[in-house]
């Protein structure tokens, strides 16, 4: 694999209202919640295996690709950047960045190498999705800007178990 390519486990497909989460104990995917009518995941959402974020969960990642995958699918993903953000829940604030990547097999998005290659309106949609998604869960998500591929990869390496 290339230096900026990692394996990602998809939990929730693009366009889905259902939020799935991997249950380590059962070794299966559990329906965690259903988003309100009209709210869907803008791209496939998953996690980076063998990592641990500040919230104790594996590092989250949004994977851009041509068609939705399915829960449990492993997707070779090229890291293009991250949405830097702080998340507050019950007066506790943690860094909770969202890594952004592109499926290596993508035909439509194969030219995306860095987060700034992604259209600004799409970046804004991603940011607004996470603000709204967290608000529905009673959390505050505060975006702090975008990080490039190198910075995102350094964060992933730091969070490897």
Protein backbone atom coordinates (compact mmCIF):
# COMPACT_ATOMS: atom_id res chain seq x y z
CA UNK A 1 0.00 0.00 0.00
CA UNK A 2 1.09 3.54 -0.69
CA UNK A 3 2.13 5.68 2.28
CA UNK A 4 -1.12 7.64 2.39
CA UNK A 5 -3.40 4.60 1.85
CA UNK A 6 -5.04 2.74 4.72
CA UNK A 7 -7.79 0.17 5.19
CA UNK A 8 -11.10 1.51 6.49
CA UNK A 9 -14.13 -0.39 7.80
CA UNK A 10 -17.39 1.13 6.58
CA UNK A 11 -20.12 1.33 9.21
CA UNK A 12 -22.75 3.53 7.53
CA UNK A 13 -23.23 3.90 3.77
CA UNK A 14 -23.65 7.18 1.93
CA UNK A 15 -27.28 8.26 1.67
CA UNK A 16 -28.39 6.17 4.66
CA UNK A 17 -30.46 7.47 7.59
CA UNK A 18 -29.50 4.47 9.71
CA UNK A 19 -26.33 4.92 11.80
CA UNK A 20 -24.59 1.60 12.39
CA UNK A 21 -21.75 0.95 14.81
CA UNK A 22 -19.51 -2.08 15.12
CA UNK A 23 -20.13 -4.02 18.33
CA UNK A 24 -16.78 -5.56 19.34
CA UNK A 25 -18.38 -7.97 21.80
CA UNK A 26 -20.84 -9.40 19.28
CA UNK A 27 -18.50 -8.96 16.29
CA UNK A 28 -21.40 -7.56 14.30
CA UNK A 29 -22.93 -4.23 13.33
CA UNK A 30 -25.61 -2.77 15.57
CA UNK A 31 -28.22 -0.20 14.54
CA UNK A 32 -27.27 2.73 16.76
CA UNK A 33 -29.82 5.34 15.69
CA UNK A 34 -31.95 6.63 12.85
CA UNK A 35 -31.44 10.18 11.61
CA UNK A 36 -34.48 12.45 11.22
CA UNK A 37 -36.33 12.47 7.89
CA UNK A 38 -34.28 14.33 5.28
CA UNK A 39 -30.96 13.80 7.07
CA UNK A 40 -28.57 11.26 5.53
CA UNK A 41 -24.85 10.56 5.59
CA UNK A 42 -23.18 12.59 2.80
CA UNK A 43 -20.54 9.91 2.15
CA UNK A 44 -19.68 6.50 3.55
CA UNK A 45 -18.74 6.73 7.23
CA UNK A 46 -16.53 4.30 9.08
CA UNK A 47 -13.50 3.81 11.25
CA UNK A 48 -9.80 3.17 10.98
CA UNK A 49 -8.98 -0.21 12.58
CA UNK A 50 -6.34 -0.37 15.34
CA UNK A 51 -6.71 3.30 16.26
CA UNK A 52 -8.09 5.02 19.33
CA UNK A 53 -9.30 8.61 19.32
CA UNK A 54 -9.57 10.93 22.32
CA UNK A 55 -13.17 9.75 22.80
CA UNK A 56 -11.93 6.17 23.28
CA UNK A 57 -13.43 4.94 20.01
CA UNK A 58 -11.57 4.09 16.80
CA UNK A 59 -10.80 7.14 14.66
CA UNK A 60 -13.76 8.16 12.47
CA UNK A 61 -13.40 8.64 8.73
CA UNK A 62 -15.62 9.83 5.90
CA UNK A 63 -14.84 7.99 2.64
CA UNK A 64 -15.64 9.63 -0.68
CA UNK A 65 -16.39 7.20 -3.49
CA UNK A 66 -18.60 6.67 -6.50
CA UNK A 67 -21.28 4.42 -4.95
CA UNK A 68 -22.16 3.53 -1.35
CA UNK A 69 -20.50 0.48 0.18
CA UNK A 70 -22.16 -1.60 2.89
CA UNK A 71 -21.55 -2.05 6.63
CA UNK A 72 -18.46 -4.18 7.23
CA UNK A 73 -16.90 -3.57 3.82
CA UNK A 74 -13.16 -2.86 3.94
CA UNK A 75 -12.18 -0.04 1.61
CA UNK A 76 -8.62 0.88 0.68
CA UNK A 77 -8.66 4.63 1.25
CA UNK A 78 -6.28 7.44 0.33
CA UNK A 79 -6.20 10.08 3.08
CA UNK A 80 -6.73 13.62 1.74
CA UNK A 81 -7.19 15.56 4.99
CA UNK A 82 -9.29 16.12 8.07
CA UNK A 83 -11.94 18.41 9.48
CA UNK A 84 -10.42 19.67 12.72
CA UNK A 85 -13.08 19.96 15.41
CA UNK A 86 -13.81 20.06 19.09
CA UNK A 87 -16.84 18.20 20.41
CA UNK A 88 -18.57 19.06 23.69
CA UNK A 89 -20.83 16.70 25.58
CA UNK A 90 -22.03 17.34 29.14
CA UNK A 91 -19.46 20.14 29.66
CA UNK A 92 -16.56 17.92 28.53
CA UNK A 93 -14.75 19.10 25.40
CA UNK A 94 -12.50 16.79 23.37
CA UNK A 95 -10.69 17.02 20.08
CA UNK A 96 -12.76 14.89 17.69
CA UNK A 97 -11.45 15.40 14.15
CA UNK A 98 -13.06 13.74 11.17
CA UNK A 99 -10.56 12.22 8.77
CA UNK A 100 -11.50 12.50 5.08
CA UNK A 101 -10.38 10.00 2.45
CA UNK A 102 -11.09 8.80 -1.07
CA UNK A 103 -11.56 5.17 -2.06
CA UNK A 104 -8.51 4.08 -4.06
CA UNK A 105 -10.81 2.36 -6.57
CA UNK A 106 -12.91 5.51 -7.19
CA UNK A 107 -13.18 6.61 -10.79
CA UNK A 108 -15.06 9.89 -10.19
CA UNK A 109 -12.82 11.15 -7.38
CA UNK A 110 -9.46 9.62 -8.33
CA UNK A 111 -7.88 13.07 -8.80
CA UNK A 112 -8.49 14.17 -5.19
CA UNK A 113 -5.14 14.18 -3.42
CA UNK A 114 -5.60 16.96 -0.83
CA UNK A 115 -8.60 18.32 1.05
CA UNK A 116 -8.43 21.58 -0.95
CA UNK A 117 -8.97 19.55 -4.14
CA UNK A 118 -12.48 18.90 -2.80
CA UNK A 119 -14.99 21.55 -3.84
CA UNK A 120 -15.51 24.17 -1.11
CA UNK A 121 -19.30 23.70 -1.13
CA UNK A 122 -18.84 19.96 -0.51
CA UNK A 123 -16.46 20.73 2.38
CA UNK A 124 -19.11 23.09 3.80
CA UNK A 125 -21.77 20.37 3.48
CA UNK A 126 -19.54 17.93 5.37
CA UNK A 127 -18.94 20.48 8.13
CA UNK A 128 -22.66 21.30 8.42
CA UNK A 129 -23.58 17.61 8.46
CA UNK A 130 -21.40 16.96 11.50
CA UNK A 131 -22.70 20.07 13.29
CA UNK A 132 -26.31 18.94 12.74
CA UNK A 133 -25.60 15.25 13.46
CA UNK A 134 -24.03 16.07 16.82
CA UNK A 135 -26.71 18.63 17.69
CA UNK A 136 -29.35 15.90 17.30
CA UNK A 137 -27.38 13.83 19.83
CA UNK A 138 -27.22 16.71 22.32
CA UNK A 139 -23.56 17.45 21.56
CA UNK A 140 -21.86 20.58 20.25
CA UNK A 141 -19.52 20.09 17.29
CA UNK A 142 -17.27 23.06 16.63
CA UNK A 143 -15.30 22.88 13.33
CA UNK A 144 -11.89 24.57 13.52
CA UNK A 145 -10.78 24.34 9.89
CA UNK A 146 -9.23 21.81 7.57
CA UNK A 147 -5.97 19.89 7.79
CA UNK A 148 -4.09 18.55 4.77
CA UNK A 149 -3.22 14.92 4.06
CA UNK A 150 0.17 14.99 5.83
CA UNK A 151 -1.28 16.39 9.06
CA UNK A 152 -4.18 13.90 8.95
CA UNK A 153 -1.75 10.99 8.47
CA UNK A 154 0.35 12.17 11.43
CA UNK A 155 -2.78 12.22 13.60
CA UNK A 156 -3.69 8.68 12.50
CA UNK A 157 -0.17 7.40 13.30
CA UNK A 158 -0.36 9.04 16.72
CA UNK A 159 -3.67 7.28 17.40
CA UNK A 160 -2.55 3.79 16.39
CA UNK A 161 -2.86 1.30 19.24
